[in-house]
PDB file of N, CA and C in Angstrom:
ATOM      1  N   MET A   1     135.278 112.420 128.313  1.00  0.00           N
ATOM      2  CA  MET A   1     135.116 112.714 126.896  1.00  0.00           C
ATOM      3  C   MET A   1     134.272 111.635 126.217  1.00  0.00           C
ATOM      4  N   LEU A   2     134.577 110.383 126.481  1.00  0.00           N
ATOM      5  CA  LEU A   2     133.832 109.280 125.880  1.00  0.00           C
ATOM      6  C   LEU A   2     132.371 109.301 126.314  1.00  0.00           C
ATOM      7  N   ILE A   3     132.126 109.635 127.569  1.00  0.00           N
ATOM      8  CA  ILE A   3     130.752 109.716 128.071  1.00  0.00           C
ATOM      9  C   ILE A   3     129.999 110.837 127.351  1.00  0.00           C
ATOM     10  N   GLY A   4     130.644 111.952 127.118  1.00  0.00           N
ATOM     11  CA  GLY A   4     130.019 113.068 126.415  1.00  0.00           C
ATOM     12  C   GLY A   4     129.651 112.694 124.985  1.00  0.00           C
ATOM     13  N   VAL A   5     130.545 111.987 124.299  1.00  0.00           N
ATOM     14  CA  VAL A   5     130.273 111.538 122.935  1.00  0.00           C
ATOM     15  C   VAL A   5     129.094 110.570 122.921  1.00  0.00           C
ATOM     16  N   CYS A   6     129.029 109.670 123.895  1.00  0.00           N
ATOM     17  CA  CYS A   6     127.918 108.713 123.986  1.00  0.00           C
ATOM     18  C   CYS A   6     126.591 109.432 124.221  1.00  0.00           C
ATOM     19  N   ILE A   7     126.580 110.430 125.084  1.00  0.00           N
ATOM     20  CA  ILE A   7     125.351 111.166 125.372  1.00  0.00           C
ATOM     21  C   ILE A   7     124.877 111.916 124.131  1.00  0.00           C
ATOM     22  N   VAL A   8     125.792 112.560 123.425  1.00  0.00           N
ATOM     23  CA  VAL A   8     125.430 113.283 122.202  1.00  0.00           C
ATOM     24  C   VAL A   8     124.899 112.312 121.156  1.00  0.00           C
ATOM     25  N   THR A   9     125.554 111.164 120.993  1.00  0.00           N
ATOM     26  CA  THR A   9     125.116 110.158 120.023  1.00  0.00           C
ATOM     27  C   THR A   9     123.721 109.642 120.367  1.00  0.00           C
ATOM     28  N   LEU A  10     123.469 109.335 121.626  1.00  0.00           N
ATOM     29  CA  LEU A  10     122.154 108.852 122.043  1.00  0.00           C
ATOM     30  C   LEU A  10     121.076 109.916 121.826  1.00  0.00           C
ATOM     31  N   THR A  11     121.394 111.159 122.058  1.00  0.00           N
ATOM     32  CA  THR A  11     120.440 112.247 121.858  1.00  0.00           C
ATOM     33  C   THR A  11     120.072 112.364 120.379  1.00  0.00           C
ATOM     34  N   ILE A  12     121.058 112.286 119.513  1.00  0.00           N
ATOM     35  CA  ILE A  12     120.814 112.380 118.073  1.00  0.00           C
ATOM     36  C   ILE A  12     119.985 111.191 117.597  1.00  0.00           C
ATOM     37  N   VAL A  13     120.357 109.989 118.011  1.00  0.00           N
ATOM     38  CA  VAL A  13     119.637 108.783 117.588  1.00  0.00           C
ATOM     39  C   VAL A  13     118.204 108.807 118.091  1.00  0.00           C
ATOM     40  N   SER A  14     117.980 109.153 119.338  1.00  0.00           N
ATOM     41  CA  SER A  14     116.606 109.170 119.860  1.00  0.00           C
ATOM     42  C   SER A  14     115.784 110.267 119.195  1.00  0.00           C
ATOM     43  N   GLY A  15     116.385 111.355 118.841  1.00  0.00           N
ATOM     44  CA  GLY A  15     115.677 112.418 118.132  1.00  0.00           C
ATOM     45  C   GLY A  15     115.270 111.980 116.742  1.00  0.00           C
ATOM     46  N   CYS A  16     116.105 111.217 116.072  1.00  0.00           N
ATOM     47  CA  CYS A  16     115.789 110.729 114.735  1.00  0.00           C
ATOM     48  C   CYS A  16     114.647 109.725 114.761  1.00  0.00           C
ATOM     49  N   LEU A  17     114.537 108.969 115.822  1.00  0.00           N
ATOM     50  CA  LEU A  17     113.490 107.964 115.916  1.00  0.00           C
ATOM     51  C   LEU A  17     112.110 108.584 116.058  1.00  0.00           C
ATOM     52  N   ASN A  18     112.002 109.801 116.534  1.00  0.00           N
ATOM     53  CA  ASN A  18     110.712 110.423 116.756  1.00  0.00           C
ATOM     54  C   ASN A  18     110.205 111.246 115.583  1.00  0.00           C
ATOM     55  N   HIS A  19     111.019 111.438 114.566  1.00  0.00           N
ATOM     56  CA  HIS A  19     110.599 112.225 113.411  1.00  0.00           C
ATOM     57  C   HIS A  19     109.987 111.309 112.358  1.00  0.00           C
ATOM     58  N   PRO A  20     108.869 111.729 111.780  1.00  0.00           N
ATOM     59  CA  PRO A  20     108.253 110.901 110.747  1.00  0.00           C
ATOM     60  C   PRO A  20     109.129 110.821 109.506  1.00  0.00           C
ATOM     61  N   SER A  21     109.063 109.692 108.817  1.00  0.00           N
ATOM     62  CA  SER A  21     109.748 109.570 107.534  1.00  0.00           C
ATOM     63  C   SER A  21     108.694 109.476 106.447  1.00  0.00           C
ATOM     64  N   VAL A  22     109.056 109.896 105.246  1.00  0.00           N
ATOM     65  CA  VAL A  22     108.093 110.011 104.152  1.00  0.00           C
ATOM     66  C   VAL A  22     108.587 109.234 102.937  1.00  0.00           C
ATOM     67  N   ILE A  23     107.661 108.499 102.313  1.00  0.00           N
ATOM     68  CA  ILE A  23     107.903 107.844 101.032  1.00  0.00           C
ATOM     69  C   ILE A  23     106.873 108.423 100.066  1.00  0.00           C
ATOM     70  N   GLN A  24     107.320 108.932  98.922  1.00  0.00           N
ATOM     71  CA  GLN A  24     106.381 109.537  97.980  1.00  0.00           C
ATOM     72  C   GLN A  24     106.520 108.899  96.602  1.00  0.00           C
ATOM     73  N   PHE A  25     105.382 108.410  96.091  1.00  0.00           N
ATOM     74  CA  PHE A  25     105.273 107.863  94.757  1.00  0.00           C
ATOM     75  C   PHE A  25     104.643 108.947  93.880  1.00  0.00           C
ATOM     76  N   THR A  26     105.197 109.193  92.694  1.00  0.00           N
ATOM     77  CA  THR A  26     104.645 110.211  91.803  1.00  0.00           C
ATOM     78  C   THR A  26     104.625 109.699  90.367  1.00  0.00           C
ATOM     79  N   GLY A  27     103.758 110.297  89.568  1.00  0.00           N
ATOM     80  CA  GLY A  27     103.677 109.964  88.154  1.00  0.00           C
ATOM     81  C   GLY A  27     102.706 110.894  87.468  1.00  0.00           C
ATOM     82  N   GLU A  28     102.651 110.799  86.135  1.00  0.00           N
ATOM     83  CA  GLU A  28     101.718 111.643  85.407  1.00  0.00           C
ATOM     84  C   GLU A  28     101.356 111.029  84.064  1.00  0.00           C
ATOM     85  N   SER A  29     100.239 111.510  83.545  1.00  0.00           N
ATOM     86  CA  SER A  29      99.778 111.156  82.212  1.00  0.00           C
ATOM     87  C   SER A  29      99.582 112.469  81.455  1.00  0.00           C
ATOM     88  N   LYS A  30      98.912 112.424  80.324  1.00  0.00           N
ATOM     89  CA  LYS A  30      98.741 113.627  79.514  1.00  0.00           C
ATOM     90  C   LYS A  30      97.984 114.727  80.266  1.00  0.00           C
ATOM     91  N   ASN A  31      96.877 114.375  80.924  1.00  0.00           N
ATOM     92  CA  ASN A  31      96.021 115.373  81.561  1.00  0.00           C
ATOM     93  C   ASN A  31      96.051 115.374  83.082  1.00  0.00           C
ATOM     94  N   TRP A  32      96.745 114.416  83.691  1.00  0.00           N
ATOM     95  CA  TRP A  32      96.711 114.262  85.149  1.00  0.00           C
ATOM     96  C   TRP A  32      98.104 114.001  85.709  1.00  0.00           C
ATOM     97  N   SER A  33      98.296 114.431  86.942  1.00  0.00           N
ATOM     98  CA  SER A  33      99.467 114.013  87.714  1.00  0.00           C
ATOM     99  C   SER A  33      98.937 113.442  89.026  1.00  0.00           C
ATOM    100  N   ALA A  34      99.717 112.587  89.648  1.00  0.00           N
ATOM    101  CA  ALA A  34      99.255 111.950  90.878  1.00  0.00           C
ATOM    102  C   ALA A  34     100.422 111.716  91.821  1.00  0.00           C
ATOM    103  N   SER A  35     100.083 111.641  93.104  1.00  0.00           N
ATOM    104  CA  SER A  35     101.077 111.285  94.113  1.00  0.00           C
ATOM    105  C   SER A  35     100.411 110.439  95.190  1.00  0.00           C
ATOM    106  N   TYR A  36     101.189 109.546  95.744  1.00  0.00           N
ATOM    107  CA  TYR A  36     100.752 108.729  96.871  1.00  0.00           C
ATOM    108  C   TYR A  36     101.861 108.860  97.908  1.00  0.00           C
ATOM    109  N   THR A  37     101.538 109.468  99.040  1.00  0.00           N
ATOM    110  CA  THR A  37     102.537 109.770 100.059  1.00  0.00           C
ATOM    111  C   THR A  37     102.247 108.973 101.320  1.00  0.00           C
ATOM    112  N   ILE A  38     103.272 108.310 101.829  1.00  0.00           N
ATOM    113  CA  ILE A  38     103.176 107.549 103.073  1.00  0.00           C
ATOM    114  C   ILE A  38     104.060 108.244 104.101  1.00  0.00           C
ATOM    115  N   THR A  39     103.467 108.637 105.201  1.00  0.00           N
ATOM    116  CA  THR A  39     104.226 109.244 106.293  1.00  0.00           C
ATOM    117  C   THR A  39     104.253 108.256 107.440  1.00  0.00           C
ATOM    118  N   LYS A  40     105.426 107.720 107.711  1.00  0.00           N
ATOM    119  CA  LYS A  40     105.583 106.769 108.814  1.00  0.00           C
ATOM    120  C   LYS A  40     105.758 107.567 110.101  1.00  0.00           C
ATOM    121  N   MET A  41     104.789 107.435 110.994  1.00  0.00           N
ATOM    122  CA  MET A  41     104.803 108.189 112.238  1.00  0.00           C
ATOM    123  C   MET A  41     105.746 107.556 113.270  1.00  0.00           C
ATOM    124  N   ASN A  42     105.803 106.243 113.273  1.00  0.00           N
ATOM    125  CA  ASN A  42     106.692 105.489 114.151  1.00  0.00           C
ATOM    126  C   ASN A  42     106.870 104.121 113.509  1.00  0.00           C
ATOM    127  N   ARG A  43     107.333 103.161 114.251  1.00  0.00           N
ATOM    128  CA  ARG A  43     107.599 101.844 113.663  1.00  0.00           C
ATOM    129  C   ARG A  43     106.335 101.136 113.196  1.00  0.00           C
ATOM    130  N   GLU A  44     105.186 101.486 113.732  1.00  0.00           N
ATOM    131  CA  GLU A  44     103.953 100.776 113.405  1.00  0.00           C
ATOM    132  C   GLU A  44     102.939 101.616 112.636  1.00  0.00           C
ATOM    133  N   ASP A  45     102.753 102.856 113.013  1.00  0.00           N
ATOM    134  CA  ASP A  45     101.677 103.672 112.456  1.00  0.00           C
ATOM    135  C   ASP A  45     102.146 104.519 111.277  1.00  0.00           C
ATOM    136  N   HIS A  46     101.241 104.689 110.313  1.00  0.00           N
ATOM    137  CA  HIS A  46     101.534 105.537 109.166  1.00  0.00           C
ATOM    138  C   HIS A  46     100.249 106.179 108.664  1.00  0.00           C
ATOM    139  N   MET A  47     100.426 107.235 107.897  1.00  0.00           N
ATOM    140  CA  MET A  47      99.304 107.931 107.253  1.00  0.00           C
ATOM    141  C   MET A  47      99.552 107.913 105.751  1.00  0.00           C
ATOM    142  N   ASN A  48      98.472 107.728 104.974  1.00  0.00           N
ATOM    143  CA  ASN A  48      98.557 107.698 103.521  1.00  0.00           C
ATOM    144  C   ASN A  48      97.772 108.866 102.950  1.00  0.00           C
ATOM    145  N   ARG A  49      98.290 109.458 101.885  1.00  0.00           N
ATOM    146  CA  ARG A  49      97.600 110.560 101.208  1.00  0.00           C
ATOM    147  C   ARG A  49      97.723 110.336  99.706  1.00  0.00           C
ATOM    148  N   PHE A  50      96.578 110.232  99.036  1.00  0.00           N
ATOM    149  CA  PHE A  50      96.539 110.066  97.590  1.00  0.00           C
ATOM    150  C   PHE A  50      95.984 111.348  96.984  1.00  0.00           C
ATOM    151  N   GLN A  51      96.647 111.862  95.954  1.00  0.00           N
ATOM    152  CA  GLN A  51      96.210 113.110  95.323  1.00  0.00           C
ATOM    153  C   GLN A  51      96.347 112.984  93.819  1.00  0.00           C
ATOM    154  N   ILE A  52      95.295 113.394  93.099  1.00  0.00           N
ATOM    155  CA  ILE A  52      95.389 113.535  91.651  1.00  0.00           C
ATOM    156  C   ILE A  52      95.101 114.990  91.305  1.00  0.00           C
ATOM    157  N   ARG A  53      95.776 115.466  90.279  1.00  0.00           N
ATOM    158  CA  ARG A  53      95.642 116.879  89.874  1.00  0.00           C
ATOM    159  C   ARG A  53      95.415 116.958  88.371  1.00  0.00           C
ATOM    160  N   TYR A  54      94.377 117.702  88.015  1.00  0.00           N
ATOM    161  CA  TYR A  54      94.092 117.955  86.603  1.00  0.00           C
ATOM    162  C   TYR A  54      95.070 119.003  86.099  1.00  0.00           C
ATOM    163  N   LYS A  55      95.750 118.723  84.967  1.00  0.00           N
ATOM    164  CA  LYS A  55      96.761 119.628  84.436  1.00  0.00           C
ATOM    165  C   LYS A  55      96.204 120.595  83.398  1.00  0.00           C
ATOM    166  N   GLY A  56      94.951 120.414  82.989  1.00  0.00           N
ATOM    167  CA  GLY A  56      94.355 121.257  81.952  1.00  0.00           C
ATOM    168  C   GLY A  56      94.033 122.661  82.439  1.00  0.00           C
ATOM    169  N   LYS A  57      93.520 123.475  81.513  1.00  0.00           N
ATOM    170  CA  LYS A  57      93.269 124.888  81.803  1.00  0.00           C
ATOM    171  C   LYS A  57      91.914 125.166  82.450  1.00  0.00           C
ATOM    172  N   ASP A  58      90.931 124.264  82.288  1.00  0.00           N
ATOM    173  CA  ASP A  58      89.586 124.565  82.764  1.00  0.00           C
ATOM    174  C   ASP A  58      89.017 123.421  83.610  1.00  0.00           C
ATOM    175  N   PRO A  59      89.423 123.325  84.866  1.00  0.00           N
ATOM    176  CA  PRO A  59      88.951 122.220  85.706  1.00  0.00           C
ATOM    177  C   PRO A  59      87.446 122.235  85.957  1.00  0.00           C
ATOM    178  N   ALA A  60      86.796 123.388  85.813  1.00  0.00           N
ATOM    179  CA  ALA A  60      85.350 123.464  86.053  1.00  0.00           C
ATOM    180  C   ALA A  60      84.563 122.656  85.022  1.00  0.00           C
ATOM    181  N   ASN A  61      85.125 122.428  83.842  1.00  0.00           N
ATOM    182  CA  ASN A  61      84.439 121.680  82.790  1.00  0.00           C
ATOM    183  C   ASN A  61      84.768 120.188  82.777  1.00  0.00           C
ATOM    184  N   VAL A  62      85.538 119.717  83.731  1.00  0.00           N
ATOM    185  CA  VAL A  62      85.906 118.299  83.781  1.00  0.00           C
ATOM    186  C   VAL A  62      84.738 117.445  84.249  1.00  0.00           C
ATOM    187  N   GLY A  63      83.957 117.933  85.193  1.00  0.00           N
ATOM    188  CA  GLY A  63      82.818 117.172  85.705  1.00  0.00           C
ATOM    189  C   GLY A  63      83.229 116.107  86.697  1.00  0.00           C
ATOM    190  N   ARG A  64      82.505 114.975  86.683  1.00  0.00           N
ATOM    191  CA  ARG A  64      82.767 113.889  87.638  1.00  0.00           C
ATOM    192  C   ARG A  64      84.002 113.107  87.209  1.00  0.00           C
ATOM    193  N   VAL A  65      84.827 112.792  88.190  1.00  0.00           N
ATOM    194  CA  VAL A  65      86.061 112.053  87.959  1.00  0.00           C
ATOM    195  C   VAL A  65      86.008 110.770  88.776  1.00  0.00           C
ATOM    196  N   LYS A  66      86.237 109.650  88.104  1.00  0.00           N
ATOM    197  CA  LYS A  66      86.365 108.360  88.789  1.00  0.00           C
ATOM    198  C   LYS A  66      87.839 107.996  88.786  1.00  0.00           C
ATOM    199  N   TYR A  67      88.322 107.522  89.913  1.00  0.00           N
ATOM    200  CA  TYR A  67      89.732 107.142  89.987  1.00  0.00           C
ATOM    201  C   TYR A  67      89.879 105.868  90.797  1.00  0.00           C
ATOM    202  N   LYS A  68      90.974 105.174  90.524  1.00  0.00           N
ATOM    203  CA  LYS A  68      91.339 104.032  91.352  1.00  0.00           C
ATOM    204  C   LYS A  68      92.851 103.889  91.313  1.00  0.00           C
ATOM    205  N   PHE A  69      93.390 103.374  92.402  1.00  0.00           N
ATOM    206  CA  PHE A  69      94.824 103.103  92.464  1.00  0.00           C
ATOM    207  C   PHE A  69      95.034 101.733  93.090  1.00  0.00           C
ATOM    208  N   THR A  70      96.076 101.048  92.627  1.00  0.00           N
ATOM    209  CA  THR A  70      96.378  99.714  93.123  1.00  0.00           C
ATOM    210  C   THR A  70      97.880  99.547  93.220  1.00  0.00           C
ATOM    211  N   GLY A  71      98.332  99.150  94.391  1.00  0.00           N
ATOM    212  CA  GLY A  71      99.740  98.837  94.621  1.00  0.00           C
ATOM    213  C   GLY A  71      99.852  97.438  95.204  1.00  0.00           C
ATOM    214  N   THR A  72     101.037  97.074  95.635  1.00  0.00           N
ATOM    215  CA  THR A  72     101.248  95.732  96.172  1.00  0.00           C
ATOM    216  C   THR A  72     100.558  95.530  97.516  1.00  0.00           C
ATOM    217  N   THR A  73     100.426  96.596  98.303  1.00  0.00           N
ATOM    218  CA  THR A  73      99.821  96.471  99.634  1.00  0.00           C
ATOM    219  C   THR A  73      98.686  97.451  99.863  1.00  0.00           C
ATOM    220  N   ASN A  74      98.301  98.166  98.814  1.00  0.00           N
ATOM    221  CA  ASN A  74      97.306  99.232  98.990  1.00  0.00           C
ATOM    222  C   ASN A  74      96.437  99.362  97.753  1.00  0.00           C
ATOM    223  N   SER A  75      95.227  99.839  97.964  1.00  0.00           N
ATOM    224  CA  SER A  75      94.348 100.132  96.840  1.00  0.00           C
ATOM    225  C   SER A  75      93.244 101.066  97.326  1.00  0.00           C
ATOM    226  N   GLY A  76      92.607 101.713  96.392  1.00  0.00           N
ATOM    227  CA  GLY A  76      91.513 102.608  96.735  1.00  0.00           C
ATOM    228  C   GLY A  76      90.843 103.103  95.475  1.00  0.00           C
ATOM    229  N   SER A  77      89.669 103.673  95.639  1.00  0.00           N
ATOM    230  CA  SER A  77      88.949 104.226  94.504  1.00  0.00           C
ATOM    231  C   SER A  77      87.975 105.277  95.013  1.00  0.00           C
ATOM    232  N   GLY A  78      87.475 106.054  94.095  1.00  0.00           N
ATOM    233  CA  GLY A  78      86.515 107.074  94.471  1.00  0.00           C
ATOM    234  C   GLY A  78      85.958 107.775  93.256  1.00  0.00           C
ATOM    235  N   GLU A  79      85.006 108.642  93.513  1.00  0.00           N
ATOM    236  CA  GLU A  79      84.400 109.448  92.463  1.00  0.00           C
ATOM    237  C   GLU A  79      84.056 110.799  93.068  1.00  0.00           C
ATOM    238  N   GLN A  80      84.405 111.853  92.347  1.00  0.00           N
ATOM    239  CA  GLN A  80      84.187 113.193  92.870  1.00  0.00           C
ATOM    240  C   GLN A  80      84.061 114.169  91.712  1.00  0.00           C
ATOM    241  N   LYS A  81      83.273 115.200  91.910  1.00  0.00           N
ATOM    242  CA  LYS A  81      83.144 116.245  90.902  1.00  0.00           C
ATOM    243  C   LYS A  81      84.296 117.232  91.052  1.00  0.00           C
ATOM    244  N   LEU A  82      84.908 117.533  89.937  1.00  0.00           N
ATOM    245  CA  LEU A  82      86.007 118.499  89.919  1.00  0.00           C
ATOM    246  C   LEU A  82      85.400 119.835  89.522  1.00  0.00           C
ATOM    247  N   SER A  83      85.039 120.649  90.494  1.00  0.00           N
ATOM    248  CA  SER A  83      84.325 121.893  90.212  1.00  0.00           C
ATOM    249  C   SER A  83      85.205 123.098  90.529  1.00  0.00           C
ATOM    250  N   GLY A  84      86.056 123.452  89.604  1.00  0.00           N
ATOM    251  CA  GLY A  84      86.913 124.616  89.781  1.00  0.00           C
ATOM    252  C   GLY A  84      88.210 124.316  90.505  1.00  0.00           C
ATOM    253  N   ASN A  85      88.239 123.249  91.274  1.00  0.00           N
ATOM    254  CA  ASN A  85      89.445 122.854  91.982  1.00  0.00           C
ATOM    255  C   ASN A  85      90.189 121.832  91.122  1.00  0.00           C
ATOM    256  N   ARG A  86      91.480 121.906  91.050  1.00  0.00           N
ATOM    257  CA  ARG A  86      92.267 120.990  90.228  1.00  0.00           C
ATOM    258  C   ARG A  86      92.569 119.669  90.925  1.00  0.00           C
ATOM    259  N   ASP A  87      92.421 119.602  92.251  1.00  0.00           N
ATOM    260  CA  ASP A  87      92.883 118.447  93.014  1.00  0.00           C
ATOM    261  C   ASP A  87      91.749 117.630  93.620  1.00  0.00           C
ATOM    262  N   ILE A  88      91.990 116.331  93.670  1.00  0.00           N
ATOM    263  CA  ILE A  88      91.178 115.406  94.445  1.00  0.00           C
ATOM    264  C   ILE A  88      92.135 114.730  95.409  1.00  0.00           C
ATOM    265  N   VAL A  89      91.790 114.773  96.699  1.00  0.00           N
ATOM    266  CA  VAL A  89      92.687 114.241  97.728  1.00  0.00           C
ATOM    267  C   VAL A  89      91.913 113.286  98.620  1.00  0.00           C
ATOM    268  N   SER A  90      92.523 112.157  98.936  1.00  0.00           N
ATOM    269  CA  SER A  90      91.952 111.238  99.916  1.00  0.00           C
ATOM    270  C   SER A  90      93.080 110.776 100.828  1.00  0.00           C
ATOM    271  N   GLY A  91      92.722 110.361 102.014  1.00  0.00           N
ATOM    272  CA  GLY A  91      93.735 109.923 102.961  1.00  0.00           C
ATOM    273  C   GLY A  91      93.208 108.883 103.918  1.00  0.00           C
ATOM    274  N   SER A  92      94.132 108.206 104.561  1.00  0.00           N
ATOM    275  CA  SER A  92      93.794 107.208 105.567  1.00  0.00           C
ATOM    276  C   SER A  92      94.996 107.014 106.473  1.00  0.00           C
ATOM    277  N   GLY A  93      94.823 106.224 107.473  1.00  0.00           N
ATOM    278  CA  GLY A  93      95.912 105.910 108.388  1.00  0.00           C
ATOM    279  C   GLY A  93      95.760 104.501 108.888  1.00  0.00           C
ATOM    280  N   GLY A  94      96.799 104.007 109.504  1.00  0.00           N
ATOM    281  CA  GLY A  94      96.720 102.650 110.033  1.00  0.00           C
ATOM    282  C   GLY A  94      98.072 102.132 110.436  1.00  0.00           C
ATOM    283  N   ASN A  95      98.127 100.818 110.562  1.00  0.00           N
ATOM    284  CA  ASN A  95      99.390 100.190 110.942  1.00  0.00           C
ATOM    285  C   ASN A  95      99.637  98.931 110.130  1.00  0.00           C
ATOM    286  N   GLY A  96      99.048  98.858 108.945  1.00  0.00           N
ATOM    287  CA  GLY A  96      99.247  97.699 108.070  1.00  0.00           C
ATOM    288  C   GLY A  96     100.514  97.830 107.253  1.00  0.00           C
ATOM    289  N   ALA A  97     100.612  96.951 106.271  1.00  0.00           N
ATOM    290  CA  ALA A  97     101.792  96.922 105.402  1.00  0.00           C
ATOM    291  C   ALA A  97     101.836  98.172 104.526  1.00  0.00           C
ATOM    292  N   ILE A  98     103.034  98.582 104.185  1.00  0.00           N
ATOM    293  CA  ILE A  98     103.218  99.712 103.272  1.00  0.00           C
ATOM    294  C   ILE A  98     104.018  99.220 102.063  1.00  0.00           C
ATOM    295  N   PRO A  99     103.825  99.849 100.908  1.00  0.00           N
ATOM    296  CA  PRO A  99     104.549  99.399  99.722  1.00  0.00           C
ATOM    297  C   PRO A  99     106.051  99.639  99.852  1.00  0.00           C
ATOM    298  N   LEU A 100     106.818  98.769  99.230  1.00  0.00           N
ATOM    299  CA  LEU A 100     108.266  98.948  99.193  1.00  0.00           C
ATOM    300  C   LEU A 100     108.615 100.122  98.289  1.00  0.00           C
ATOM    301  N   GLU A 101     109.715 100.779  98.568  1.00  0.00           N
ATOM    302  CA  GLU A 101     110.092 101.966  97.799  1.00  0.00           C
ATOM    303  C   GLU A 101     110.377 101.670  96.338  1.00  0.00           C
ATOM    304  N   ASP A 102     110.745 100.424  96.005  1.00  0.00           N
ATOM    305  CA  ASP A 102     111.022 100.104  94.605  1.00  0.00           C
ATOM    306  C   ASP A 102     109.815  99.491  93.891  1.00  0.00           C
ATOM    307  N   SER A 103     108.627  99.555  94.515  1.00  0.00           N
ATOM    308  CA  SER A 103     107.413  99.055  93.867  1.00  0.00           C
ATOM    309  C   SER A 103     106.727 100.196  93.125  1.00  0.00           C
ATOM    310  N   THR A 104     105.622  99.888  92.459  1.00  0.00           N
ATOM    311  CA  THR A 104     104.870 100.898  91.726  1.00  0.00           C
ATOM    312  C   THR A 104     103.396 100.849  92.120  1.00  0.00           C
ATOM    313  N   ILE A 105     102.702 101.913  91.829  1.00  0.00           N
ATOM    314  CA  ILE A 105     101.262 102.008  92.072  1.00  0.00           C
ATOM    315  C   ILE A 105     100.613 102.381  90.749  1.00  0.00           C
ATOM    316  N   GLN A 106      99.619 101.601  90.332  1.00  0.00           N
ATOM    317  CA  GLN A 106      98.903 101.837  89.081  1.00  0.00           C
ATOM    318  C   GLN A 106      97.687 102.719  89.354  1.00  0.00           C
ATOM    319  N   VAL A 107      97.497 103.748  88.552  1.00  0.00           N
ATOM    320  CA  VAL A 107      96.389 104.686  88.727  1.00  0.00           C
ATOM    321  C   VAL A 107      95.594 104.780  87.426  1.00  0.00           C
ATOM    322  N   THR A 108      94.274 104.766  87.555  1.00  0.00           N
ATOM    323  CA  THR A 108      93.379 104.967  86.419  1.00  0.00           C
ATOM    324  C   THR A 108      92.443 106.124  86.746  1.00  0.00           C
ATOM    325  N   VAL A 109      92.307 107.054  85.801  1.00  0.00           N
ATOM    326  CA  VAL A 109      91.421 108.206  85.968  1.00  0.00           C
ATOM    327  C   VAL A 109      90.458 108.222  84.774  1.00  0.00           C
ATOM    328  N   GLU A 110      89.146 108.352  85.061  1.00  0.00           N
ATOM    329  CA  GLU A 110      88.129 108.410  84.015  1.00  0.00           C
ATOM    330  C   GLU A 110      87.283 109.662  84.206  1.00  0.00           C
ATOM    331  N   TRP A 111      87.008 110.367  83.093  1.00  0.00           N
ATOM    332  CA  TRP A 111      86.169 111.573  83.118  1.00  0.00           C
ATOM    333  C   TRP A 111      85.665 111.825  81.709  1.00  0.00           C
ATOM    334  N   ARG A 112      84.437 112.275  81.595  1.00  0.00           N
ATOM    335  CA  ARG A 112      83.810 112.662  80.318  1.00  0.00           C
ATOM    336  C   ARG A 112      84.099 111.679  79.179  1.00  0.00           C
ATOM    337  N   GLY A 113      84.010 110.387  79.465  1.00  0.00           N
ATOM    338  CA  GLY A 113      84.247 109.377  78.444  1.00  0.00           C
ATOM    339  C   GLY A 113      85.712 109.144  78.116  1.00  0.00           C
ATOM    340  N   GLN A 114      86.601 109.786  78.824  1.00  0.00           N
ATOM    341  CA  GLN A 114      88.038 109.609  78.604  1.00  0.00           C
ATOM    342  C   GLN A 114      88.633 108.777  79.741  1.00  0.00           C
ATOM    343  N   LYS A 115      89.751 108.148  79.458  1.00  0.00           N
ATOM    344  CA  LYS A 115      90.416 107.317  80.462  1.00  0.00           C
ATOM    345  C   LYS A 115      91.926 107.424  80.265  1.00  0.00           C
ATOM    346  N   GLU A 116      92.627 107.659  81.364  1.00  0.00           N
ATOM    347  CA  GLU A 116      94.092 107.679  81.321  1.00  0.00           C
ATOM    348  C   GLU A 116      94.630 106.837  82.458  1.00  0.00           C
ATOM    349  N   GLU A 117      95.770 106.219  82.198  1.00  0.00           N
ATOM    350  CA  GLU A 117      96.437 105.399  83.207  1.00  0.00           C
ATOM    351  C   GLU A 117      97.847 105.931  83.397  1.00  0.00           C
ATOM    352  N   MET A 118      98.329 105.769  84.608  1.00  0.00           N
ATOM    353  CA  MET A 118      99.704 106.167  84.896  1.00  0.00           C
ATOM    354  C   MET A 118     100.292 105.248  85.944  1.00  0.00           C
ATOM    355  N   GLU A 119     101.590 105.252  86.037  1.00  0.00           N
ATOM    356  CA  GLU A 119     102.299 104.444  87.011  1.00  0.00           C
ATOM    357  C   GLU A 119     103.065 105.379  87.943  1.00  0.00           C
ATOM    358  N   LEU A 120     102.849 105.209  89.242  1.00  0.00           N
ATOM    359  CA  LEU A 120     103.552 106.026  90.228  1.00  0.00           C
ATOM    360  C   LEU A 120     104.750 105.250  90.752  1.00  0.00           C
ATOM    361  N   SER A 121     105.857 105.941  90.944  1.00  0.00           N
ATOM    362  CA  SER A 121     107.047 105.317  91.515  1.00  0.00           C
ATOM    363  C   SER A 121     107.812 106.347  92.357  1.00  0.00           C
ATOM    364  N   THR A 122     108.745 105.848  93.139  1.00  0.00           N
ATOM    365  CA  THR A 122     109.575 106.725  93.954  1.00  0.00           C
ATOM    366  C   THR A 122     110.851 107.129  93.226  1.00  0.00           C
ATOM    367  N   GLY A 123     111.120 106.478  92.135  1.00  0.00           N
ATOM    368  CA  GLY A 123     112.381 106.700  91.443  1.00  0.00           C
ATOM    369  C   GLY A 123     113.478 105.784  91.957  1.00  0.00           C
ATOM    370  N   ALA A 124     113.157 104.965  92.970  1.00  0.00           N
ATOM    371  CA  ALA A 124     114.126 104.005  93.499  1.00  0.00           C
ATOM    372  C   ALA A 124     114.355 102.917  92.449  1.00  0.00           C
ATOM    373  N   SER A 125     115.576 102.453  92.343  1.00  0.00           N
ATOM    374  CA  SER A 125     115.877 101.424  91.345  1.00  0.00           C
ATOM    375  C   SER A 125     115.299 100.084  91.783  1.00  0.00           C
ATOM    376  N   ARG A 126     114.826  99.344  90.786  1.00  0.00           N
ATOM    377  CA  ARG A 126     114.283  98.012  91.040  1.00  0.00           C
ATOM    378  C   ARG A 126     115.371  96.977  90.891  1.00  0.00           C
ATOM    379  N   LYS A 127     115.265  95.921  91.687  1.00  0.00           N
ATOM    380  CA  LYS A 127     116.271  94.851  91.616  1.00  0.00           C
ATOM    381  C   LYS A 127     115.683  93.629  90.987  1.00  0.00           C
TER     382      LYS A 127
END
């Protein structure tokens, strides 16, 4: 009986180790929402996905969008035309440091002479 319990426990634990875990930072401003998602593939490797979404009614008239994000261990920027699509998505992967769940990521979005800033968080409490 004890051997059976040990085998079942080891099977469950080893199965959990092979599934990716996800940390998602989210936030929004008046005209934009954003998310930064980290998918930990294993103990070392992870994939990052940054997405901003225009919340307005006519994304075709937004034009070129400049964005940047900065966190404790990550940053990025870009510029893209928003032509009918509401989303801008960028991604990367690696094995470097990842932000702590109780940290924040600052995002700035600029378009047509306008600028909005937002703070992304996981909702985890800060200590």
